[in-house]
Amino acid sequence: MFRSWQHSFAFGDVCTKQVNELSFHGRSFLPFSCPADCAATSSRVWGSAIYTDDSYICAAAIHDGRITDSGGSFRVYKLGGMSLYTAQDQNGISSKSFANWQGSFAFEDYCLRQSVQLDFGEDVSTIFHCPPGCQDTTSRLWGTDIYTDDSYICAAALHGSVITDAMGGVVIVTKSGQRSNYSNSTRNGITSKSYGSWPRSFRVMGM
């Protein structure tokens, strides 16, 4: 028997909980915990890295590698809608693709991700998902068209007109080498900064 509490729900229902059922009370994220064995409820997972807000949270967390099927705790970030959600098979769960959904969520603040933090493996390019609403997270941006690799990826994508702030989007990040100079400019309401020599850089392109 579970005791009554305003912000709780029955343990058995957690595996099928969706972000559009949660109350964030003006916060951008909430702590969330999943029990074991939620991989069995993986039929409702749309997206990769960023998911539709009617996807099952725990199955999405397993898909994203935040937890295993043994359960665990993490943060859930509430986001606006995106024009595209990509399908991917990973961690034993196959997510589905979808287009034009009004609400999203993720397990970290992707507006803060830098190119230097990405795992490119043996490749020079990788796919990255920028959520809506990164326009206010642009303080780390050095360069124009080619940016230092410690710049925010989504800020660069907004600055370079690859995505819009309202919808975000899926972008291709291509790493590059040293440049002797990075120029500043103002585009789309974002002002990048200039910098001298920096050993690693990147470009952002649309899918």
N, C-alpha and C. Protein backbone atom coordinates (compact mmCIF):
# COMPACT_ATOMS: atom_id res chain seq x y z
N MET A 1 0.85 -1.19 0.00
CA MET A 1 0.00 0.00 0.00
C MET A 1 0.88 1.23 0.00
N PHE A 2 0.66 2.15 -0.91
CA PHE A 2 1.47 3.36 -1.01
C PHE A 2 0.76 4.50 -0.30
N ARG A 3 1.49 5.26 0.48
CA ARG A 3 0.89 6.40 1.16
C ARG A 3 0.60 7.52 0.16
N SER A 4 -0.35 8.34 0.49
CA SER A 4 -0.75 9.43 -0.39
C SER A 4 0.22 10.60 -0.26
N TRP A 5 0.63 11.17 -1.43
CA TRP A 5 1.52 12.33 -1.45
C TRP A 5 1.26 13.06 -2.75
N GLN A 6 1.20 14.37 -2.70
CA GLN A 6 0.73 15.17 -3.83
C GLN A 6 1.53 14.94 -5.10
N HIS A 7 2.84 14.73 -4.99
CA HIS A 7 3.69 14.65 -6.19
C HIS A 7 4.23 13.24 -6.43
N SER A 8 3.52 12.22 -6.00
CA SER A 8 3.94 10.85 -6.21
C SER A 8 2.93 10.11 -7.08
N PHE A 9 3.32 8.89 -7.49
CA PHE A 9 2.40 8.05 -8.23
C PHE A 9 2.78 6.61 -7.92
N ALA A 10 1.86 5.69 -8.20
CA ALA A 10 2.08 4.29 -7.85
C ALA A 10 3.32 3.75 -8.54
N PHE A 11 4.11 2.97 -7.81
CA PHE A 11 5.39 2.46 -8.30
C PHE A 11 5.23 1.71 -9.61
N GLY A 12 4.15 0.94 -9.70
CA GLY A 12 3.95 0.14 -10.90
C GLY A 12 3.67 0.96 -12.14
N ASP A 13 3.28 2.22 -11.98
CA ASP A 13 2.97 3.08 -13.11
C ASP A 13 4.17 3.87 -13.62
N VAL A 14 5.28 3.83 -12.92
CA VAL A 14 6.42 4.68 -13.27
C VAL A 14 6.96 4.34 -14.66
N CYS A 15 7.00 3.08 -15.02
CA CYS A 15 7.55 2.67 -16.31
C CYS A 15 6.79 3.27 -17.49
N THR A 16 5.55 3.62 -17.29
CA THR A 16 4.75 4.17 -18.38
C THR A 16 4.46 5.66 -18.18
N LYS A 17 5.21 6.30 -17.30
CA LYS A 17 5.01 7.73 -17.07
C LYS A 17 5.55 8.53 -18.25
N GLN A 18 4.84 9.60 -18.62
CA GLN A 18 5.23 10.47 -19.71
C GLN A 18 5.46 11.89 -19.18
N VAL A 19 6.34 12.63 -19.85
CA VAL A 19 6.66 13.99 -19.41
C VAL A 19 5.44 14.90 -19.46
N ASN A 20 4.56 14.68 -20.43
CA ASN A 20 3.37 15.54 -20.52
C ASN A 20 2.39 15.30 -19.38
N GLU A 21 2.68 14.34 -18.51
CA GLU A 21 1.86 14.08 -17.33
C GLU A 21 2.47 14.68 -16.06
N LEU A 22 3.68 15.23 -16.16
CA LEU A 22 4.38 15.76 -15.00
C LEU A 22 4.10 17.24 -14.81
N SER A 23 4.22 17.70 -13.57
CA SER A 23 4.08 19.13 -13.25
C SER A 23 5.46 19.68 -12.90
N PHE A 24 5.98 20.58 -13.72
CA PHE A 24 7.31 21.14 -13.50
C PHE A 24 7.28 22.40 -12.63
N HIS A 25 6.12 22.99 -12.45
CA HIS A 25 5.95 24.17 -11.58
C HIS A 25 6.95 25.28 -11.93
N GLY A 26 7.11 25.54 -13.23
CA GLY A 26 7.98 26.62 -13.68
C GLY A 26 9.45 26.26 -13.77
N ARG A 27 9.84 25.07 -13.35
CA ARG A 27 11.25 24.65 -13.43
C ARG A 27 11.55 24.07 -14.80
N SER A 28 12.81 24.11 -15.18
CA SER A 28 13.21 23.56 -16.48
C SER A 28 13.46 22.06 -16.41
N PHE A 29 13.69 21.52 -15.22
CA PHE A 29 13.95 20.09 -15.08
C PHE A 29 13.36 19.57 -13.77
N LEU A 30 13.22 18.25 -13.72
CA LEU A 30 12.78 17.56 -12.51
C LEU A 30 13.67 16.35 -12.28
N PRO A 31 13.96 15.99 -11.03
CA PRO A 31 14.59 14.70 -10.76
C PRO A 31 13.57 13.59 -10.97
N PHE A 32 14.03 12.46 -11.47
CA PHE A 32 13.11 11.35 -11.76
C PHE A 32 13.83 10.04 -11.50
N SER A 33 13.11 9.05 -11.02
CA SER A 33 13.68 7.73 -10.74
C SER A 33 12.83 6.65 -11.39
N CYS A 34 13.50 5.64 -11.93
CA CYS A 34 12.82 4.52 -12.57
C CYS A 34 13.13 3.23 -11.83
N PRO A 35 12.15 2.35 -11.71
CA PRO A 35 12.40 1.03 -11.13
C PRO A 35 13.07 0.12 -12.15
N ALA A 36 13.31 -1.11 -11.78
CA ALA A 36 13.87 -2.10 -12.70
C ALA A 36 12.80 -2.58 -13.69
N ASP A 37 13.28 -3.14 -14.79
CA ASP A 37 12.43 -3.85 -15.76
C ASP A 37 11.53 -2.95 -16.60
N CYS A 38 11.94 -1.70 -16.82
CA CYS A 38 11.13 -0.80 -17.66
C CYS A 38 11.41 -0.98 -19.16
N ALA A 39 12.43 -1.74 -19.51
CA ALA A 39 12.71 -1.96 -20.94
C ALA A 39 11.57 -2.70 -21.62
N ALA A 40 10.78 -3.41 -20.83
CA ALA A 40 9.64 -4.14 -21.38
C ALA A 40 8.55 -3.20 -21.88
N THR A 41 8.61 -1.93 -21.45
CA THR A 41 7.60 -0.95 -21.87
C THR A 41 8.24 0.07 -22.83
N SER A 42 8.87 -0.44 -23.87
CA SER A 42 9.62 0.44 -24.79
C SER A 42 8.87 0.72 -26.09
N SER A 43 7.59 0.42 -26.13
CA SER A 43 6.83 0.60 -27.37
C SER A 43 6.57 2.07 -27.69
N ARG A 44 6.62 2.94 -26.66
CA ARG A 44 6.35 4.36 -26.86
C ARG A 44 7.63 5.16 -26.64
N VAL A 45 8.52 5.14 -27.61
CA VAL A 45 9.73 5.96 -27.57
C VAL A 45 9.95 6.55 -28.96
N TRP A 46 9.77 7.86 -29.06
CA TRP A 46 9.97 8.56 -30.34
C TRP A 46 11.11 9.55 -30.18
N GLY A 47 12.15 9.38 -30.99
CA GLY A 47 13.27 10.30 -30.95
C GLY A 47 14.56 9.65 -30.51
N SER A 48 15.60 10.45 -30.47
CA SER A 48 16.91 10.02 -30.01
C SER A 48 17.61 11.25 -29.45
N ALA A 49 18.07 11.16 -28.22
CA ALA A 49 18.65 12.28 -27.47
C ALA A 49 17.57 13.26 -27.01
N ILE A 50 16.71 13.67 -27.94
CA ILE A 50 15.53 14.47 -27.61
C ILE A 50 14.30 13.69 -28.04
N TYR A 51 13.35 13.56 -27.12
CA TYR A 51 12.20 12.66 -27.31
C TYR A 51 10.88 13.43 -27.25
N THR A 52 9.86 12.92 -27.91
CA THR A 52 8.52 13.51 -27.80
C THR A 52 8.04 13.38 -26.35
N ASP A 53 7.25 14.35 -25.90
CA ASP A 53 6.87 14.35 -24.49
C ASP A 53 5.80 13.32 -24.14
N ASP A 54 5.35 12.53 -25.13
CA ASP A 54 4.46 11.41 -24.82
C ASP A 54 5.18 10.07 -24.90
N SER A 55 6.51 10.11 -25.00
CA SER A 55 7.31 8.89 -24.90
C SER A 55 7.39 8.45 -23.44
N TYR A 56 7.57 7.16 -23.22
CA TYR A 56 7.76 6.67 -21.86
C TYR A 56 9.13 7.11 -21.36
N ILE A 57 9.16 7.79 -20.24
CA ILE A 57 10.40 8.39 -19.73
C ILE A 57 11.46 7.33 -19.45
N CYS A 58 11.09 6.27 -18.76
CA CYS A 58 12.09 5.27 -18.34
C CYS A 58 12.67 4.51 -19.52
N ALA A 59 11.83 4.16 -20.49
CA ALA A 59 12.33 3.49 -21.69
C ALA A 59 13.26 4.41 -22.47
N ALA A 60 12.90 5.70 -22.53
CA ALA A 60 13.77 6.67 -23.21
C ALA A 60 15.09 6.83 -22.47
N ALA A 61 15.07 6.80 -21.14
CA ALA A 61 16.30 6.91 -20.35
C ALA A 61 17.23 5.72 -20.59
N ILE A 62 16.65 4.53 -20.73
CA ILE A 62 17.45 3.35 -21.07
C ILE A 62 18.02 3.51 -22.48
N HIS A 63 17.19 3.92 -23.42
CA HIS A 63 17.61 4.14 -24.81
C HIS A 63 18.76 5.13 -24.88
N ASP A 64 18.70 6.17 -24.06
CA ASP A 64 19.71 7.24 -24.07
C ASP A 64 20.96 6.87 -23.27
N GLY A 65 20.93 5.74 -22.58
CA GLY A 65 22.09 5.31 -21.80
C GLY A 65 22.21 5.97 -20.44
N ARG A 66 21.15 6.63 -19.98
CA ARG A 66 21.19 7.28 -18.66
C ARG A 66 21.08 6.27 -17.54
N ILE A 67 20.33 5.20 -17.77
CA ILE A 67 20.19 4.11 -16.81
C ILE A 67 20.21 2.80 -17.57
N THR A 68 20.25 1.70 -16.83
CA THR A 68 20.08 0.37 -17.41
C THR A 68 18.69 -0.14 -17.03
N ASP A 69 18.39 -1.36 -17.43
CA ASP A 69 17.09 -1.93 -17.08
C ASP A 69 16.99 -2.25 -15.59
N SER A 70 18.08 -2.04 -14.87
CA SER A 70 18.05 -2.20 -13.41
C SER A 70 17.45 -0.98 -12.71
N GLY A 71 17.18 0.08 -13.48
CA GLY A 71 16.61 1.30 -12.91
C GLY A 71 17.67 2.32 -12.56
N GLY A 72 17.24 3.46 -12.03
CA GLY A 72 18.17 4.51 -11.64
C GLY A 72 17.51 5.87 -11.62
N SER A 73 18.32 6.89 -11.30
CA SER A 73 17.82 8.26 -11.16
C SER A 73 18.54 9.19 -12.12
N PHE A 74 17.87 10.27 -12.51
CA PHE A 74 18.41 11.21 -13.49
C PHE A 74 17.55 12.47 -13.47
N ARG A 75 17.90 13.44 -14.29
CA ARG A 75 17.08 14.64 -14.46
C ARG A 75 16.35 14.59 -15.80
N VAL A 76 15.14 15.11 -15.80
CA VAL A 76 14.35 15.24 -17.03
C VAL A 76 14.19 16.72 -17.34
N TYR A 77 14.60 17.15 -18.53
CA TYR A 77 14.50 18.55 -18.95
C TYR A 77 13.32 18.70 -19.92
N LYS A 78 12.42 19.59 -19.59
CA LYS A 78 11.26 19.85 -20.44
C LYS A 78 11.63 20.84 -21.54
N LEU A 79 11.25 20.51 -22.78
CA LEU A 79 11.61 21.33 -23.94
C LEU A 79 10.39 21.61 -24.79
N GLY A 80 10.54 22.55 -25.71
CA GLY A 80 9.48 22.84 -26.67
C GLY A 80 9.44 21.79 -27.77
N GLY A 81 8.55 21.98 -28.71
CA GLY A 81 8.39 21.03 -29.80
C GLY A 81 9.48 21.15 -30.85
N MET A 82 9.68 20.05 -31.59
CA MET A 82 10.66 20.02 -32.67
C MET A 82 9.98 19.55 -33.96
N SER A 83 10.61 19.87 -35.07
CA SER A 83 10.05 19.48 -36.37
C SER A 83 10.42 18.06 -36.75
N LEU A 84 11.43 17.48 -36.10
CA LEU A 84 11.87 16.13 -36.45
C LEU A 84 12.44 15.42 -35.23
N TYR A 85 12.03 14.17 -35.07
CA TYR A 85 12.59 13.28 -34.04
C TYR A 85 13.12 12.05 -34.77
N THR A 86 14.38 11.72 -34.55
CA THR A 86 15.03 10.66 -35.31
C THR A 86 14.95 9.32 -34.60
N ALA A 87 14.84 8.26 -35.38
CA ALA A 87 14.82 6.89 -34.85
C ALA A 87 16.24 6.37 -34.69
N GLN A 88 16.44 5.52 -33.70
CA GLN A 88 17.74 4.91 -33.51
C GLN A 88 17.62 3.65 -32.65
N ASP A 89 18.41 2.63 -32.99
CA ASP A 89 18.49 1.41 -32.19
C ASP A 89 19.71 1.49 -31.29
N GLN A 90 19.50 1.50 -29.98
CA GLN A 90 20.63 1.53 -29.05
C GLN A 90 20.20 1.04 -27.68
N ASN A 91 21.14 0.43 -27.00
CA ASN A 91 20.93 -0.07 -25.63
C ASN A 91 19.72 -0.99 -25.52
N GLY A 92 19.49 -1.77 -26.58
CA GLY A 92 18.43 -2.77 -26.56
C GLY A 92 17.04 -2.23 -26.84
N ILE A 93 16.92 -0.96 -27.18
CA ILE A 93 15.62 -0.35 -27.45
C ILE A 93 15.65 0.34 -28.81
N SER A 94 14.60 0.12 -29.59
CA SER A 94 14.47 0.77 -30.90
C SER A 94 13.46 1.91 -30.78
N SER A 95 13.94 3.13 -30.95
CA SER A 95 13.02 4.27 -30.95
C SER A 95 12.48 4.50 -32.35
N LYS A 96 11.43 5.26 -32.44
CA LYS A 96 10.78 5.55 -33.73
C LYS A 96 10.96 7.01 -34.10
N SER A 97 10.86 7.30 -35.38
CA SER A 97 10.94 8.68 -35.85
C SER A 97 9.55 9.32 -35.83
N PHE A 98 9.55 10.65 -35.78
CA PHE A 98 8.29 11.38 -35.81
C PHE A 98 8.59 12.81 -36.26
N ALA A 99 7.56 13.49 -36.72
CA ALA A 99 7.73 14.88 -37.17
C ALA A 99 6.70 15.78 -36.51
N ASN A 100 7.13 17.03 -36.26
CA ASN A 100 6.22 18.09 -35.81
C ASN A 100 5.39 17.69 -34.59
N TRP A 101 6.06 17.57 -33.45
CA TRP A 101 5.36 17.31 -32.19
C TRP A 101 5.58 18.50 -31.26
N GLN A 102 4.55 18.83 -30.48
CA GLN A 102 4.53 20.12 -29.77
C GLN A 102 5.37 20.17 -28.50
N GLY A 103 5.77 19.04 -27.96
CA GLY A 103 6.54 19.05 -26.72
C GLY A 103 7.63 17.99 -26.73
N SER A 104 8.74 18.27 -26.06
CA SER A 104 9.89 17.36 -26.05
C SER A 104 10.49 17.28 -24.65
N PHE A 105 11.42 16.34 -24.50
CA PHE A 105 12.23 16.30 -23.28
C PHE A 105 13.57 15.66 -23.59
N ALA A 106 14.52 15.91 -22.71
CA ALA A 106 15.86 15.34 -22.82
C ALA A 106 16.38 15.08 -21.41
N PHE A 107 17.56 14.48 -21.33
CA PHE A 107 18.14 14.12 -20.05
C PHE A 107 19.34 14.98 -19.67
N GLU A 108 19.59 16.01 -20.44
CA GLU A 108 20.60 17.00 -20.09
C GLU A 108 20.27 18.30 -20.83
N ASP A 109 20.93 19.38 -20.45
CA ASP A 109 20.73 20.65 -21.13
C ASP A 109 21.66 20.71 -22.33
N TYR A 110 21.16 20.32 -23.49
CA TYR A 110 21.99 20.25 -24.69
C TYR A 110 22.41 21.62 -25.20
N CYS A 111 21.77 22.68 -24.73
CA CYS A 111 22.20 24.03 -25.12
C CYS A 111 23.63 24.30 -24.65
N LEU A 112 24.08 23.59 -23.62
CA LEU A 112 25.40 23.82 -23.03
C LEU A 112 26.49 22.91 -23.59
N ARG A 113 26.14 22.03 -24.52
CA ARG A 113 27.13 21.06 -25.01
C ARG A 113 28.10 21.74 -25.98
N GLN A 114 29.39 21.42 -25.81
CA GLN A 114 30.45 21.95 -26.66
C GLN A 114 30.96 20.86 -27.59
N SER A 115 31.50 21.26 -28.72
CA SER A 115 32.03 20.29 -29.68
C SER A 115 33.11 19.41 -29.07
N VAL A 116 33.95 19.98 -28.22
CA VAL A 116 35.04 19.23 -27.61
C VAL A 116 34.52 18.10 -26.73
N GLN A 117 33.26 18.17 -26.32
CA GLN A 117 32.68 17.15 -25.45
C GLN A 117 32.05 15.99 -26.22
N LEU A 118 32.00 16.08 -27.54
CA LEU A 118 31.37 15.03 -28.33
C LEU A 118 32.32 13.87 -28.57
N ASP A 119 31.75 12.68 -28.74
CA ASP A 119 32.53 11.50 -29.09
C ASP A 119 32.39 11.25 -30.59
N PHE A 120 33.40 11.63 -31.34
CA PHE A 120 33.38 11.45 -32.79
C PHE A 120 33.83 10.05 -33.21
N GLY A 121 34.46 9.33 -32.30
CA GLY A 121 35.02 8.04 -32.67
C GLY A 121 36.08 8.20 -33.74
N GLU A 122 35.99 7.42 -34.80
CA GLU A 122 36.94 7.51 -35.91
C GLU A 122 36.49 8.50 -36.99
N ASP A 123 35.32 9.10 -36.80
CA ASP A 123 34.75 9.97 -37.82
C ASP A 123 35.14 11.43 -37.59
N VAL A 124 34.97 12.25 -38.61
CA VAL A 124 35.20 13.69 -38.48
C VAL A 124 33.90 14.43 -38.26
N SER A 125 32.78 13.75 -38.48
CA SER A 125 31.47 14.38 -38.30
C SER A 125 30.57 13.50 -37.45
N THR A 126 29.62 14.13 -36.77
CA THR A 126 28.63 13.40 -35.99
C THR A 126 27.34 14.20 -35.96
N ILE A 127 26.25 13.51 -35.69
CA ILE A 127 24.94 14.16 -35.59
C ILE A 127 24.72 14.66 -34.17
N PHE A 128 24.12 15.83 -34.04
CA PHE A 128 23.80 16.38 -32.73
C PHE A 128 22.40 16.98 -32.76
N HIS A 129 21.68 16.84 -31.65
CA HIS A 129 20.30 17.32 -31.55
C HIS A 129 20.27 18.60 -30.72
N CYS A 130 19.88 19.68 -31.33
CA CYS A 130 19.71 20.95 -30.62
C CYS A 130 18.24 21.15 -30.26
N PRO A 131 17.94 21.37 -29.00
CA PRO A 131 16.54 21.60 -28.61
C PRO A 131 16.10 23.01 -28.95
N PRO A 132 14.82 23.29 -28.88
CA PRO A 132 14.35 24.67 -28.96
C PRO A 132 14.82 25.45 -27.73
N GLY A 133 14.91 26.77 -27.87
CA GLY A 133 15.14 27.62 -26.70
C GLY A 133 16.58 27.85 -26.30
N CYS A 134 17.53 27.68 -27.21
CA CYS A 134 18.94 27.90 -26.88
C CYS A 134 19.40 29.34 -27.11
N GLN A 135 18.52 30.21 -27.55
CA GLN A 135 18.89 31.59 -27.88
C GLN A 135 19.50 32.33 -26.70
N ASP A 136 19.11 31.97 -25.48
CA ASP A 136 19.63 32.64 -24.29
C ASP A 136 20.89 31.99 -23.74
N THR A 137 21.39 30.96 -24.43
CA THR A 137 22.59 30.25 -23.98
C THR A 137 23.65 30.36 -25.06
N THR A 138 24.17 31.57 -25.23
CA THR A 138 25.09 31.83 -26.34
C THR A 138 26.36 32.54 -25.90
N SER A 139 26.64 32.52 -24.60
CA SER A 139 27.79 33.28 -24.10
C SER A 139 29.13 32.68 -24.53
N ARG A 140 29.15 31.37 -24.79
CA ARG A 140 30.38 30.71 -25.24
C ARG A 140 30.32 30.50 -26.75
N LEU A 141 30.76 31.50 -27.50
CA LEU A 141 30.74 31.39 -28.95
C LEU A 141 31.84 32.26 -29.54
N TRP A 142 32.84 31.60 -30.10
CA TRP A 142 33.97 32.30 -30.70
C TRP A 142 34.09 31.88 -32.16
N GLY A 143 33.97 32.85 -33.06
CA GLY A 143 34.15 32.57 -34.47
C GLY A 143 32.93 32.91 -35.30
N THR A 144 33.06 32.73 -36.60
CA THR A 144 31.98 32.91 -37.57
C THR A 144 32.12 31.83 -38.63
N ASP A 145 31.09 31.02 -38.78
CA ASP A 145 31.08 29.87 -39.69
C ASP A 145 31.97 28.73 -39.20
N ILE A 146 33.18 29.07 -38.78
CA ILE A 146 34.06 28.10 -38.11
C ILE A 146 34.29 28.61 -36.69
N TYR A 147 34.06 27.73 -35.71
CA TYR A 147 34.06 28.14 -34.31
C TYR A 147 35.07 27.32 -33.50
N THR A 148 35.56 27.90 -32.41
CA THR A 148 36.44 27.15 -31.51
C THR A 148 35.66 25.96 -30.94
N ASP A 149 36.36 24.87 -30.66
CA ASP A 149 35.64 23.66 -30.25
C ASP A 149 35.13 23.70 -28.82
N ASP A 150 35.40 24.80 -28.09
CA ASP A 150 34.79 24.96 -26.77
C ASP A 150 33.60 25.92 -26.83
N SER A 151 33.15 26.23 -28.03
CA SER A 151 31.92 27.02 -28.21
C SER A 151 30.71 26.11 -28.08
N TYR A 152 29.57 26.70 -27.72
CA TYR A 152 28.33 25.95 -27.64
C TYR A 152 27.86 25.59 -29.05
N ILE A 153 27.57 24.32 -29.27
CA ILE A 153 27.18 23.84 -30.59
C ILE A 153 25.89 24.50 -31.07
N CYS A 154 24.89 24.53 -30.21
CA CYS A 154 23.58 25.05 -30.63
C CYS A 154 23.61 26.56 -30.83
N ALA A 155 24.44 27.25 -30.05
CA ALA A 155 24.63 28.69 -30.28
C ALA A 155 25.24 28.91 -31.66
N ALA A 156 26.20 28.08 -32.04
CA ALA A 156 26.81 28.17 -33.37
C ALA A 156 25.79 27.88 -34.46
N ALA A 157 24.93 26.89 -34.22
CA ALA A 157 23.91 26.54 -35.21
C ALA A 157 22.89 27.67 -35.38
N LEU A 158 22.54 28.33 -34.30
CA LEU A 158 21.64 29.49 -34.38
C LEU A 158 22.31 30.66 -35.09
N HIS A 159 23.54 30.94 -34.70
CA HIS A 159 24.32 32.03 -35.29
C HIS A 159 24.50 31.83 -36.78
N GLY A 160 24.70 30.58 -37.18
CA GLY A 160 24.92 30.26 -38.58
C GLY A 160 23.67 29.98 -39.38
N SER A 161 22.49 30.23 -38.79
CA SER A 161 21.20 30.05 -39.47
C SER A 161 20.93 28.60 -39.87
N VAL A 162 21.51 27.67 -39.13
CA VAL A 162 21.28 26.25 -39.41
C VAL A 162 19.97 25.78 -38.78
N ILE A 163 19.62 26.35 -37.63
CA ILE A 163 18.37 26.04 -36.94
C ILE A 163 17.71 27.34 -36.51
N THR A 164 16.48 27.24 -36.04
CA THR A 164 15.80 28.37 -35.42
C THR A 164 15.63 28.10 -33.94
N ASP A 165 15.47 29.17 -33.17
CA ASP A 165 15.30 29.01 -31.73
C ASP A 165 13.96 28.37 -31.40
N ALA A 166 12.96 28.61 -32.21
CA ALA A 166 11.62 28.10 -31.92
C ALA A 166 11.53 26.59 -32.06
N MET A 167 12.27 26.01 -33.00
CA MET A 167 12.12 24.59 -33.29
C MET A 167 13.37 23.76 -33.02
N GLY A 168 14.55 24.38 -32.87
CA GLY A 168 15.75 23.58 -32.74
C GLY A 168 16.00 22.78 -34.00
N GLY A 169 16.64 21.63 -33.87
CA GLY A 169 16.83 20.78 -35.03
C GLY A 169 18.02 19.85 -34.90
N VAL A 170 18.11 18.94 -35.85
CA VAL A 170 19.22 17.98 -35.91
C VAL A 170 20.29 18.56 -36.83
N VAL A 171 21.53 18.60 -36.35
CA VAL A 171 22.62 19.21 -37.11
C VAL A 171 23.78 18.24 -37.26
N ILE A 172 24.64 18.53 -38.20
CA ILE A 172 25.88 17.77 -38.39
C ILE A 172 27.04 18.63 -37.91
N VAL A 173 27.78 18.11 -36.95
CA VAL A 173 28.96 18.80 -36.41
C VAL A 173 30.20 18.17 -37.03
N THR A 174 31.00 18.98 -37.69
CA THR A 174 32.23 18.49 -38.33
C THR A 174 33.43 19.16 -37.68
N LYS A 175 34.30 18.34 -37.13
CA LYS A 175 35.47 18.89 -36.44
C LYS A 175 36.53 19.29 -37.45
N SER A 176 37.32 20.28 -37.07
CA SER A 176 38.37 20.80 -37.92
C SER A 176 39.60 21.08 -37.07
N GLY A 177 40.63 21.58 -37.69
CA GLY A 177 41.89 21.77 -36.99
C GLY A 177 42.12 23.18 -36.51
N GLN A 178 43.37 23.50 -36.33
CA GLN A 178 43.77 24.80 -35.79
C GLN A 178 43.55 25.91 -36.79
N ARG A 179 43.13 27.06 -36.26
CA ARG A 179 43.05 28.28 -37.04
C ARG A 179 43.78 29.38 -36.30
N SER A 180 44.35 30.30 -37.04
CA SER A 180 45.12 31.38 -36.42
C SER A 180 44.24 32.51 -35.92
N ASN A 181 42.99 32.54 -36.41
CA ASN A 181 42.11 33.65 -36.03
C ASN A 181 40.65 33.24 -36.19
N TYR A 182 39.83 33.65 -35.23
CA TYR A 182 38.39 33.43 -35.28
C TYR A 182 37.72 34.79 -35.20
N SER A 183 36.93 35.11 -36.22
CA SER A 183 36.34 36.46 -36.31
C SER A 183 34.98 36.52 -35.62
N ASN A 184 34.67 37.69 -35.11
CA ASN A 184 33.37 37.91 -34.47
C ASN A 184 32.36 38.44 -35.47
N SER A 185 31.09 38.27 -35.17
CA SER A 185 30.01 38.82 -35.99
C SER A 185 28.70 38.73 -35.23
N THR A 186 27.72 39.49 -35.70
CA THR A 186 26.37 39.43 -35.13
C THR A 186 25.41 38.91 -36.18
N ARG A 187 24.77 37.80 -35.86
CA ARG A 187 23.80 37.19 -36.77
C ARG A 187 22.62 36.66 -35.95
N ASN A 188 21.45 36.84 -36.46
CA ASN A 188 20.25 36.27 -35.85
C ASN A 188 20.12 36.61 -34.37
N GLY A 189 20.55 37.82 -34.02
CA GLY A 189 20.45 38.26 -32.64
C GLY A 189 21.52 37.71 -31.71
N ILE A 190 22.52 37.04 -32.27
CA ILE A 190 23.60 36.44 -31.48
C ILE A 190 24.92 37.06 -31.91
N THR A 191 25.71 37.51 -30.95
CA THR A 191 27.02 38.09 -31.23
C THR A 191 28.11 37.12 -30.80
N SER A 192 28.88 36.65 -31.77
CA SER A 192 30.02 35.80 -31.44
C SER A 192 31.23 36.67 -31.14
N LYS A 193 32.22 36.08 -30.49
CA LYS A 193 33.42 36.81 -30.10
C LYS A 193 34.59 36.40 -30.99
N SER A 194 35.57 37.28 -31.07
CA SER A 194 36.79 36.97 -31.82
C SER A 194 37.80 36.31 -30.89
N TYR A 195 38.73 35.59 -31.50
CA TYR A 195 39.79 34.95 -30.73
C TYR A 195 40.99 34.74 -31.65
N GLY A 196 42.14 34.60 -31.04
CA GLY A 196 43.36 34.34 -31.80
C GLY A 196 43.52 32.87 -32.12
N SER A 197 44.71 32.38 -32.07
CA SER A 197 44.97 30.98 -32.42
C SER A 197 44.32 30.02 -31.42
N TRP A 198 43.65 29.00 -31.95
CA TRP A 198 43.05 27.94 -31.12
C TRP A 198 43.21 26.62 -31.86
N PRO A 199 43.62 25.54 -31.17
CA PRO A 199 44.05 24.32 -31.86
C PRO A 199 42.96 23.49 -32.53
N ARG A 200 41.70 23.65 -32.10
CA ARG A 200 40.63 22.79 -32.65
C ARG A 200 39.40 23.64 -32.94
N SER A 201 38.68 23.27 -33.99
CA SER A 201 37.51 24.05 -34.40
C SER A 201 36.43 23.11 -34.95
N PHE A 202 35.29 23.69 -35.29
CA PHE A 202 34.21 22.89 -35.88
C PHE A 202 33.30 23.76 -36.73
N ARG A 203 32.57 23.09 -37.61
CA ARG A 203 31.51 23.69 -38.41
C ARG A 203 30.19 23.01 -38.05
N VAL A 204 29.09 23.70 -38.31
CA VAL A 204 27.76 23.12 -38.12
C VAL A 204 26.97 23.25 -39.42
N MET A 205 26.37 22.14 -39.84
CA MET A 205 25.55 22.13 -41.05
C MET A 205 24.21 21.48 -40.75
N GLY A 206 23.23 21.75 -41.60
CA GLY A 206 21.93 21.12 -41.46
C GLY A 206 21.93 19.71 -42.02
N MET A 207 20.94 18.95 -41.63
CA MET A 207 20.81 17.58 -42.13
C MET A 207 20.31 17.60 -43.58
